[in-house]
Amino acid sequence: MARSNDMMATLEQWKPDMTRGIVARAADLLAFAKTKKPGAPVAWTHVAKCVLGGRIPNADSKAVKDMMGRSSAIRQVLMRDYGCGLENIPGLGVRATVDDDDLANTQLRRQVKQHEASRQRVLATRALINPSTMKNKELKAWVTSGVGALLSAHNDRIAKLILPPGDEASDKGGQGGPRR
């Protein structure tokens, strides 16, 4: 609890620009927090309290859930206006990334893994389709030429090259890629 009070004391130094929207204020708060306490998570309850005003809401309140639902938009504002990413830390809160290494190790690593998982799902779905039995000629051409070109342009060798250090392509989830 001391950590939570310490973070709240730090966040109380932040002065919101009430002419900006909720998402922009939340991004500004997280950018402020990263300068004062780099790498420290901010509880979503604190984000909601600072951005919306009033008392600290309960973690399961509508205000906190709504704020959490805006995380993608907050991430976009952080990237556009502050040159950093957003890292969700389950059970603890959220924080702005502090430098290029942090951004690469968190947000970029997650996005590359998602990209590879998506590619694996496309491969699995394409493998189920037999173009010779397709009746729609335009769709058949797209499956064989369009999707085929996409898949050949991004082969397994390239996929292994773009995986971040410490990660290996695996088929833990069987056909279709890893399961979440």
C-alpha atoms as a PDB file:
ATOM      1  CA  MET A   1       0.000   0.000   0.000  1.00  0.00           C
ATOM      2  CA  ALA A   2       2.927   2.339   0.628  1.00  0.00           C
ATOM      3  CA  ARG A   3       3.893   2.083  -3.040  1.00  0.00           C
ATOM      4  CA  SER A   4       0.371   3.014  -4.094  1.00  0.00           C
ATOM      5  CA  ASN A   5       0.358   6.072  -1.813  1.00  0.00           C
ATOM      6  CA  ASP A   6       3.836   7.043  -3.038  1.00  0.00           C
ATOM      7  CA  MET A   7       2.688   6.854  -6.672  1.00  0.00           C
ATOM      8  CA  MET A   8      -0.480   8.805  -5.911  1.00  0.00           C
ATOM      9  CA  ALA A   9       1.585  11.524  -4.214  1.00  0.00           C
ATOM     10  CA  THR A  10       3.710  11.738  -7.362  1.00  0.00           C
ATOM     11  CA  LEU A  11       0.668  11.833  -9.647  1.00  0.00           C
ATOM     12  CA  GLU A  12      -0.897  14.636  -7.616  1.00  0.00           C
ATOM     13  CA  GLN A  13       1.918  16.871  -8.924  1.00  0.00           C
ATOM     14  CA  TRP A  14       0.502  16.459 -12.443  1.00  0.00           C
ATOM     15  CA  LYS A  15      -1.692  19.292 -13.662  1.00  0.00           C
ATOM     16  CA  PRO A  16      -4.275  18.167 -16.226  1.00  0.00           C
ATOM     17  CA  ASP A  17      -5.088  20.274 -19.268  1.00  0.00           C
ATOM     18  CA  MET A  18      -8.876  20.192 -19.068  1.00  0.00           C
ATOM     19  CA  THR A  19      -9.176  21.461 -22.643  1.00  0.00           C
ATOM     20  CA  ARG A  20      -7.936  18.056 -23.822  1.00  0.00           C
ATOM     21  CA  GLY A  21     -10.010  14.894 -23.959  1.00  0.00           C
ATOM     22  CA  ILE A  22      -9.868  11.943 -21.587  1.00  0.00           C
ATOM     23  CA  VAL A  23      -7.495   9.899 -23.754  1.00  0.00           C
ATOM     24  CA  ALA A  24      -5.064  12.788 -24.250  1.00  0.00           C
ATOM     25  CA  ARG A  25      -5.097  13.547 -20.510  1.00  0.00           C
ATOM     26  CA  ALA A  26      -4.457   9.884 -19.673  1.00  0.00           C
ATOM     27  CA  ALA A  27      -1.524   9.782 -22.107  1.00  0.00           C
ATOM     28  CA  ASP A  28      -0.166  13.011 -20.639  1.00  0.00           C
ATOM     29  CA  LEU A  29      -0.475  11.581 -17.116  1.00  0.00           C
ATOM     30  CA  LEU A  30       1.442   8.433 -18.073  1.00  0.00           C
ATOM     31  CA  ALA A  31       4.124  10.483 -19.848  1.00  0.00           C
ATOM     32  CA  PHE A  32       4.432  12.593 -16.682  1.00  0.00           C
ATOM     33  CA  ALA A  33       4.642   9.458 -14.513  1.00  0.00           C
ATOM     34  CA  LYS A  34       7.444   8.016 -16.665  1.00  0.00           C
ATOM     35  CA  THR A  35       9.552  11.122 -16.058  1.00  0.00           C
ATOM     36  CA  LYS A  36       8.999  11.017 -12.296  1.00  0.00           C
ATOM     37  CA  LYS A  37       9.045   7.243 -11.741  1.00  0.00           C
ATOM     38  CA  PRO A  38      10.446   5.517 -14.863  1.00  0.00           C
ATOM     39  CA  GLY A  39       9.215   1.965 -15.308  1.00  0.00           C
ATOM     40  CA  ALA A  40       6.776   2.093 -12.386  1.00  0.00           C
ATOM     41  CA  PRO A  41       3.227   0.986 -13.155  1.00  0.00           C
ATOM     42  CA  VAL A  42       0.307   3.283 -12.454  1.00  0.00           C
ATOM     43  CA  ALA A  43      -2.835   1.561 -11.203  1.00  0.00           C
ATOM     44  CA  TRP A  44      -5.823   2.058 -13.482  1.00  0.00           C
ATOM     45  CA  THR A  45      -7.695   3.370 -10.435  1.00  0.00           C
ATOM     46  CA  HIS A  46      -5.112   6.162 -10.147  1.00  0.00           C
ATOM     47  CA  VAL A  47      -5.310   6.921 -13.856  1.00  0.00           C
ATOM     48  CA  ALA A  48      -9.095   7.231 -13.615  1.00  0.00           C
ATOM     49  CA  LYS A  49      -8.920   9.407 -10.493  1.00  0.00           C
ATOM     50  CA  CYS A  50      -6.323  11.797 -11.933  1.00  0.00           C
ATOM     51  CA  VAL A  51      -7.909  12.077 -15.368  1.00  0.00           C
ATOM     52  CA  LEU A  52     -11.561  12.210 -14.309  1.00  0.00           C
ATOM     53  CA  GLY A  53     -11.205  13.836 -10.884  1.00  0.00           C
ATOM     54  CA  GLY A  54     -13.043  12.935  -7.738  1.00  0.00           C
ATOM     55  CA  ARG A  55     -12.164  10.090  -5.411  1.00  0.00           C
ATOM     56  CA  ILE A  56     -10.123   7.007  -6.251  1.00  0.00           C
ATOM     57  CA  PRO A  57     -12.657   4.611  -7.801  1.00  0.00           C
ATOM     58  CA  ASN A  58     -12.874   0.897  -7.075  1.00  0.00           C
ATOM     59  CA  ALA A  59     -10.944  -1.321  -9.464  1.00  0.00           C
ATOM     60  CA  ASP A  60     -14.181  -2.876 -10.741  1.00  0.00           C
ATOM     61  CA  SER A  61     -15.973   0.451 -11.239  1.00  0.00           C
ATOM     62  CA  LYS A  62     -17.358   1.566 -14.583  1.00  0.00           C
ATOM     63  CA  ALA A  63     -14.927   4.516 -14.642  1.00  0.00           C
ATOM     64  CA  VAL A  64     -11.899   2.210 -14.342  1.00  0.00           C
ATOM     65  CA  LYS A  65     -13.225  -0.322 -16.854  1.00  0.00           C
ATOM     66  CA  ASP A  66     -13.972   2.485 -19.318  1.00  0.00           C
ATOM     67  CA  MET A  67     -10.466   3.892 -18.842  1.00  0.00           C
ATOM     68  CA  MET A  68      -8.943   0.442 -19.403  1.00  0.00           C
ATOM     69  CA  GLY A  69     -11.052   0.132 -22.555  1.00  0.00           C
ATOM     70  CA  ARG A  70      -9.318   3.237 -23.892  1.00  0.00           C
ATOM     71  CA  SER A  71      -5.837   1.715 -23.647  1.00  0.00           C
ATOM     72  CA  SER A  72      -5.437   1.334 -27.429  1.00  0.00           C
ATOM     73  CA  ALA A  73      -6.306   4.991 -27.974  1.00  0.00           C
ATOM     74  CA  ILE A  74      -4.003   6.013 -25.118  1.00  0.00           C
ATOM     75  CA  ARG A  75      -1.211   3.969 -26.745  1.00  0.00           C
ATOM     76  CA  GLN A  76      -1.748   5.799 -30.046  1.00  0.00           C
ATOM     77  CA  VAL A  77      -1.534   9.215 -28.368  1.00  0.00           C
ATOM     78  CA  LEU A  78       1.592   8.175 -26.430  1.00  0.00           C
ATOM     79  CA  MET A  79       3.232   7.067 -29.671  1.00  0.00           C
ATOM     80  CA  ARG A  80       2.162  10.115 -31.666  1.00  0.00           C
ATOM     81  CA  ASP A  81       2.708  12.855 -29.089  1.00  0.00           C
ATOM     82  CA  TYR A  82       5.330  11.460 -26.711  1.00  0.00           C
ATOM     83  CA  GLY A  83       7.311   8.937 -28.784  1.00  0.00           C
ATOM     84  CA  CYS A  84       6.727   6.074 -26.383  1.00  0.00           C
ATOM     85  CA  GLY A  85       4.500   3.037 -26.030  1.00  0.00           C
ATOM     86  CA  LEU A  86       2.087   1.685 -23.454  1.00  0.00           C
ATOM     87  CA  GLU A  87       2.732  -1.405 -21.397  1.00  0.00           C
ATOM     88  CA  ASN A  88      -0.118  -3.098 -19.562  1.00  0.00           C
ATOM     89  CA  ILE A  89       1.055  -4.956 -16.475  1.00  0.00           C
ATOM     90  CA  PRO A  90      -1.735  -7.323 -15.427  1.00  0.00           C
ATOM     91  CA  GLY A  91      -2.726  -6.893 -11.811  1.00  0.00           C
ATOM     92  CA  LEU A  92      -0.551  -3.796 -11.344  1.00  0.00           C
ATOM     93  CA  GLY A  93      -1.612  -1.217 -13.899  1.00  0.00           C
ATOM     94  CA  VAL A  94      -0.140   0.474 -16.922  1.00  0.00           C
ATOM     95  CA  ARG A  95       2.900   2.560 -17.779  1.00  0.00           C
ATOM     96  CA  ALA A  96       4.495   4.484 -20.587  1.00  0.00           C
ATOM     97  CA  THR A  97       7.671   2.906 -21.963  1.00  0.00           C
ATOM     98  CA  VAL A  98      10.793   4.794 -20.915  1.00  0.00           C
ATOM     99  CA  ASP A  99      13.234   4.378 -23.820  1.00  0.00           C
ATOM    100  CA  ASP A 100      13.853   2.590 -27.116  1.00  0.00           C
ATOM    101  CA  ASP A 101      15.021  -0.624 -25.433  1.00  0.00           C
ATOM    102  CA  ASP A 102      11.884  -0.702 -23.292  1.00  0.00           C
ATOM    103  CA  LEU A 103       9.624  -0.015 -26.288  1.00  0.00           C
ATOM    104  CA  ALA A 104      11.346  -2.718 -28.357  1.00  0.00           C
ATOM    105  CA  ASN A 105      11.246  -5.241 -25.519  1.00  0.00           C
ATOM    106  CA  THR A 106       7.574  -4.688 -24.688  1.00  0.00           C
ATOM    107  CA  GLN A 107       5.310  -3.291 -27.379  1.00  0.00           C
ATOM    108  CA  LEU A 108       7.358  -4.196 -30.477  1.00  0.00           C
ATOM    109  CA  ARG A 109       8.069  -7.721 -29.171  1.00  0.00           C
ATOM    110  CA  ARG A 110       4.341  -8.284 -28.531  1.00  0.00           C
ATOM    111  CA  GLN A 111       3.374  -6.919 -31.961  1.00  0.00           C
ATOM    112  CA  VAL A 112       5.898  -9.101 -33.803  1.00  0.00           C
ATOM    113  CA  LYS A 113       4.632 -12.185 -31.970  1.00  0.00           C
ATOM    114  CA  GLN A 114       1.055 -11.240 -32.890  1.00  0.00           C
ATOM    115  CA  HIS A 115       2.094 -10.727 -36.506  1.00  0.00           C
ATOM    116  CA  GLU A 116       3.698 -14.173 -36.646  1.00  0.00           C
ATOM    117  CA  ALA A 117       0.697 -15.810 -34.975  1.00  0.00           C
ATOM    118  CA  SER A 118      -1.567 -14.127 -37.528  1.00  0.00           C
ATOM    119  CA  ARG A 119       0.636 -15.345 -40.388  1.00  0.00           C
ATOM    120  CA  GLN A 120       0.441 -18.881 -39.016  1.00  0.00           C
ATOM    121  CA  ARG A 121      -3.368 -18.672 -38.901  1.00  0.00           C
ATOM    122  CA  VAL A 122      -3.438 -17.458 -42.539  1.00  0.00           C
ATOM    123  CA  LEU A 123      -1.216 -20.393 -43.538  1.00  0.00           C
ATOM    124  CA  ALA A 124      -3.445 -22.873 -41.713  1.00  0.00           C
ATOM    125  CA  THR A 125      -6.615 -21.485 -43.306  1.00  0.00           C
ATOM    126  CA  ARG A 126      -5.053 -21.371 -46.782  1.00  0.00           C
ATOM    127  CA  ALA A 127      -3.942 -25.000 -46.383  1.00  0.00           C
ATOM    128  CA  LEU A 128      -7.595 -26.021 -45.923  1.00  0.00           C
ATOM    129  CA  ILE A 129      -8.643 -24.510 -49.263  1.00  0.00           C
ATOM    130  CA  ASN A 130      -8.412 -26.516 -52.482  1.00  0.00           C
ATOM    131  CA  PRO A 131      -8.523 -23.912 -55.272  1.00  0.00           C
ATOM    132  CA  SER A 132      -9.259 -26.567 -57.908  1.00  0.00           C
ATOM    133  CA  THR A 133     -12.708 -27.085 -56.373  1.00  0.00           C
ATOM    134  CA  MET A 134     -13.564 -23.375 -56.194  1.00  0.00           C
ATOM    135  CA  LYS A 135     -16.388 -22.127 -58.428  1.00  0.00           C
ATOM    136  CA  ASN A 136     -15.845 -18.358 -58.102  1.00  0.00           C
ATOM    137  CA  LYS A 137     -13.033 -17.577 -60.556  1.00  0.00           C
ATOM    138  CA  GLU A 138     -12.165 -14.164 -59.063  1.00  0.00           C
ATOM    139  CA  LEU A 139     -11.984 -15.585 -55.560  1.00  0.00           C
ATOM    140  CA  LYS A 140      -9.940 -18.542 -56.831  1.00  0.00           C
ATOM    141  CA  ALA A 141      -7.463 -16.180 -58.513  1.00  0.00           C
ATOM    142  CA  TRP A 142      -7.180 -14.152 -55.316  1.00  0.00           C
ATOM    143  CA  VAL A 143      -6.562 -17.290 -53.219  1.00  0.00           C
ATOM    144  CA  THR A 144      -3.920 -18.645 -55.585  1.00  0.00           C
ATOM    145  CA  SER A 145      -2.260 -15.406 -56.697  1.00  0.00           C
ATOM    146  CA  GLY A 146      -2.965 -12.764 -54.077  1.00  0.00           C
ATOM    147  CA  VAL A 147      -2.775 -14.821 -50.907  1.00  0.00           C
ATOM    148  CA  GLY A 148      -0.159 -17.094 -52.446  1.00  0.00           C
ATOM    149  CA  ALA A 149       2.081 -14.106 -53.215  1.00  0.00           C
ATOM    150  CA  LEU A 150       1.628 -12.784 -49.699  1.00  0.00           C
ATOM    151  CA  LEU A 151       2.588 -16.110 -48.188  1.00  0.00           C
ATOM    152  CA  SER A 152       5.578 -16.634 -50.462  1.00  0.00           C
ATOM    153  CA  ALA A 153       6.834 -13.087 -49.828  1.00  0.00           C
ATOM    154  CA  HIS A 154       6.887 -13.759 -46.098  1.00  0.00           C
ATOM    155  CA  ASN A 155       8.291 -17.241 -45.778  1.00  0.00           C
ATOM    156  CA  ASP A 156       9.370 -19.161 -42.671  1.00  0.00           C
ATOM    157  CA  ARG A 157      12.994 -18.022 -43.008  1.00  0.00           C
ATOM    158  CA  ILE A 158      11.965 -14.369 -42.884  1.00  0.00           C
ATOM    159  CA  ALA A 159       9.581 -15.128 -40.015  1.00  0.00           C
ATOM    160  CA  LYS A 160      12.473 -16.522 -37.970  1.00  0.00           C
ATOM    161  CA  LEU A 161      14.559 -13.441 -38.709  1.00  0.00           C
ATOM    162  CA  ILE A 162      11.930 -11.021 -37.417  1.00  0.00           C
ATOM    163  CA  LEU A 163      11.262 -12.854 -34.167  1.00  0.00           C
ATOM    164  CA  PRO A 164      12.781 -10.979 -31.227  1.00  0.00           C
ATOM    165  CA  PRO A 165      15.806 -12.360 -29.371  1.00  0.00           C
ATOM    166  CA  GLY A 166      14.903 -15.169 -27.016  1.00  0.00           C
ATOM    167  CA  ASP A 167      11.804 -16.196 -28.976  1.00  0.00           C
ATOM    168  CA  GLU A 168      11.576 -19.089 -31.341  1.00  0.00           C
ATOM    169  CA  ALA A 169       8.873 -20.011 -33.767  1.00  0.00           C
ATOM    170  CA  SER A 170       6.908 -22.829 -32.232  1.00  0.00           C
ATOM    171  CA  ASP A 171       3.714 -24.661 -32.855  1.00  0.00           C
ATOM    172  CA  LYS A 172       2.587 -24.907 -29.248  1.00  0.00           C
ATOM    173  CA  GLY A 173      -0.944 -24.245 -30.399  1.00  0.00           C
ATOM    174  CA  GLY A 174      -0.902 -26.803 -33.186  1.00  0.00           C
ATOM    175  CA  GLN A 175      -2.279 -25.886 -36.584  1.00  0.00           C
ATOM    176  CA  GLY A 176      -3.085 -22.191 -36.732  1.00  0.00           C
ATOM    177  CA  GLY A 177      -0.346 -20.974 -34.408  1.00  0.00           C
ATOM    178  CA  PRO A 178      -0.070 -20.389 -30.712  1.00  0.00           C
ATOM    179  CA  ARG A 179      -3.207 -20.290 -28.602  1.00  0.00           C
ATOM    180  CA  ARG A 180      -3.943 -17.432 -26.260  1.00  0.00           C
END
